[in-house]
Amino acid sequence: MCYEYDFLAVVDGSSLEDGTANRGYGSYHLENRDGRQQTVRLDLGTATNTAHNAVLRNEAEYQTLIAALKDLIDRVNKAGKSPAKYSVVVQTDAQLLVGQLTQGWQVKAANLRPLVDEAAELLKSFCLAQIEKVPRDEIVRVLGY
């Protein structure tokens, strides 16, 4: 049986210009129905100055979502259970991510296609996966930045 949600994942990825390069980073917060929760910070590495900050930011959003879903799936598997018996709600402030994964928006950037495909496959691991766009203030409240 699938409940409204068994797990909540709040995700955010971005990038910072660091002199001649851009550094990608992300954070995700996992919470279950029992109230157990954990926030994870990610350093997604540096891209040369040929990578535009906006391009890296979109990649970081997807990389953070993928990391959160893999972590959650791994936790469920380690508990001897199947993710297919659980539901997840993903909250993000990234309209592009929501549009591409739930509203059929085209993926125009070639660098995002494999990330979109991987995220979509991971979401299929759950009996129900919902992605919600939430205000930036909500992301800041949960992740602390």
Protein backbone atom coordinates (compact mmCIF):
# COMPACT_ATOMS: atom_id res chain seq x y z
CA MET A 1 0.00 0.00 0.00
CA CYS A 2 1.30 3.45 -0.94
CA TYR A 3 0.71 6.34 1.42
CA GLU A 4 0.63 10.00 0.47
CA TYR A 5 4.35 9.88 1.10
CA ASP A 6 6.71 7.67 3.01
CA PHE A 7 9.75 9.84 2.37
CA LEU A 8 10.35 13.51 1.75
CA ALA A 9 13.42 14.66 -0.17
CA VAL A 10 14.19 18.38 -0.30
CA VAL A 11 16.89 19.06 -2.90
CA ASP A 12 18.89 22.06 -4.07
CA GLY A 13 21.91 22.35 -6.31
CA SER A 14 23.76 25.38 -7.55
CA SER A 15 27.15 26.74 -8.47
CA LEU A 16 29.48 29.50 -7.42
CA GLU A 17 31.92 31.37 -9.59
CA ASP A 18 35.37 30.83 -8.12
CA GLY A 19 37.86 32.99 -10.02
CA THR A 20 38.39 31.26 -13.36
CA ALA A 21 36.18 28.26 -12.60
CA ASN A 22 32.72 27.39 -11.35
CA ARG A 23 32.18 25.09 -8.37
CA GLY A 24 29.04 22.99 -8.19
CA TYR A 25 27.46 22.16 -4.87
CA GLY A 26 24.22 20.74 -3.55
CA SER A 27 22.32 19.69 -0.48
CA TYR A 28 19.50 17.31 0.17
CA HIS A 29 17.37 16.59 3.17
CA LEU A 30 15.73 13.18 3.63
CA GLU A 31 12.91 12.63 6.07
CA ASN A 32 10.66 9.64 6.70
CA ARG A 33 7.14 9.39 8.10
CA ASP A 34 8.54 8.61 11.56
CA GLY A 35 10.36 11.94 11.65
CA ARG A 36 13.88 10.57 11.21
CA GLN A 37 15.82 12.99 9.07
CA GLN A 38 19.25 13.82 7.73
CA THR A 39 20.72 16.62 5.64
CA VAL A 40 23.63 15.90 3.32
CA ARG A 41 25.94 18.47 1.70
CA LEU A 42 27.63 17.71 -1.62
CA ASP A 43 30.67 19.16 -3.34
CA LEU A 44 30.04 18.48 -7.02
CA GLY A 45 33.45 19.60 -8.23
CA THR A 46 34.83 22.34 -10.40
CA ALA A 47 34.22 23.07 -14.07
CA THR A 48 36.58 25.21 -16.11
CA ASN A 49 35.58 28.67 -17.18
CA THR A 50 34.13 27.17 -20.38
CA ALA A 51 31.15 26.05 -18.32
CA HIS A 52 28.65 28.82 -17.77
CA ASN A 53 27.41 29.22 -14.22
CA ALA A 54 23.77 28.65 -15.31
CA VAL A 55 24.71 25.40 -17.10
CA LEU A 56 26.56 24.10 -14.06
CA ARG A 57 23.68 25.14 -11.79
CA ASN A 58 21.20 23.04 -13.80
CA GLU A 59 23.59 20.09 -13.74
CA ALA A 60 24.02 20.54 -9.99
CA GLU A 61 20.24 20.46 -9.47
CA TYR A 62 20.01 17.12 -11.26
CA GLN A 63 23.15 15.67 -9.67
CA THR A 64 21.78 16.53 -6.23
CA LEU A 65 18.40 14.95 -7.00
CA ILE A 66 20.12 11.82 -8.31
CA ALA A 67 22.35 11.60 -5.22
CA ALA A 68 19.33 11.97 -2.92
CA LEU A 69 17.34 9.29 -4.74
CA LYS A 70 20.29 6.87 -4.81
CA ASP A 71 20.87 7.45 -1.11
CA LEU A 72 17.21 6.84 -0.31
CA ILE A 73 17.03 3.70 -2.47
CA ASP A 74 20.21 2.41 -0.83
CA ARG A 75 18.79 3.00 2.66
CA VAL A 76 15.57 1.16 1.80
CA ASN A 77 17.50 -1.75 0.24
CA LYS A 78 19.83 -1.97 3.26
CA ALA A 79 16.75 -2.30 5.46
CA GLY A 80 15.85 -5.40 3.41
CA LYS A 81 12.90 -3.72 1.73
CA SER A 82 11.97 -2.70 -1.79
CA PRO A 83 11.66 0.96 -2.85
CA ALA A 84 8.69 -0.16 -4.99
CA LYS A 85 6.66 -0.41 -1.79
CA TYR A 86 7.33 3.21 -0.81
CA SER A 87 6.47 6.67 -2.03
CA VAL A 88 8.56 9.82 -2.14
CA VAL A 89 7.79 13.50 -2.46
CA VAL A 90 10.63 15.59 -3.84
CA GLN A 91 10.61 19.31 -3.16
CA THR A 92 12.75 21.72 -5.17
CA ASP A 93 12.71 25.32 -6.26
CA ALA A 94 14.04 24.40 -9.72
CA GLN A 95 11.25 24.99 -12.25
CA LEU A 96 13.34 23.44 -15.05
CA LEU A 97 13.72 20.19 -13.13
CA VAL A 98 10.00 20.02 -12.34
CA GLY A 99 9.02 20.89 -15.90
CA GLN A 100 11.32 18.36 -17.53
CA LEU A 101 10.47 15.49 -15.17
CA THR A 102 6.72 16.04 -14.77
CA GLN A 103 5.39 18.31 -17.49
CA GLY A 104 7.12 16.98 -20.60
CA TRP A 105 9.33 20.00 -21.15
CA GLN A 106 11.95 19.46 -23.82
CA VAL A 107 15.51 18.84 -22.72
CA LYS A 108 17.40 21.19 -25.03
CA ALA A 109 20.80 21.03 -23.33
CA ALA A 110 22.66 17.88 -24.39
CA ASN A 111 24.58 17.81 -21.09
CA LEU A 112 21.30 17.44 -19.17
CA ARG A 113 19.78 14.56 -21.21
CA PRO A 114 21.63 11.74 -19.39
CA LEU A 115 20.90 13.36 -16.02
CA VAL A 116 17.19 13.75 -16.80
CA ASP A 117 17.02 10.12 -17.96
CA GLU A 118 18.81 8.85 -14.84
CA ALA A 119 16.61 10.88 -12.50
CA ALA A 120 13.47 9.65 -14.28
CA GLU A 121 14.60 6.02 -13.95
CA LEU A 122 15.37 6.41 -10.25
CA LEU A 123 11.96 7.97 -9.62
CA LYS A 124 10.35 4.87 -11.20
CA SER A 125 11.88 2.79 -8.39
CA PHE A 126 9.14 4.02 -6.04
CA CYS A 127 5.46 3.10 -6.11
CA LEU A 128 4.69 6.81 -6.21
CA ALA A 129 7.04 9.71 -6.84
CA GLN A 130 5.85 13.28 -6.82
CA ILE A 131 7.97 16.34 -7.58
CA GLU A 132 6.82 19.69 -6.26
CA LYS A 133 8.12 23.16 -6.92
CA VAL A 134 8.23 25.02 -3.63
CA PRO A 135 9.23 28.61 -2.86
CA ARG A 136 12.93 29.31 -2.34
CA ASP A 137 12.14 30.32 1.25
CA GLU A 138 11.05 26.74 1.98
CA ILE A 139 14.30 25.34 0.61
CA VAL A 140 16.28 27.79 2.74
CA ARG A 141 14.22 26.91 5.82
CA VAL A 142 14.94 23.20 5.43
CA LEU A 143 18.53 23.27 4.13
CA GLY A 144 19.73 26.36 5.96
CA TYR A 145 20.90 28.39 2.99
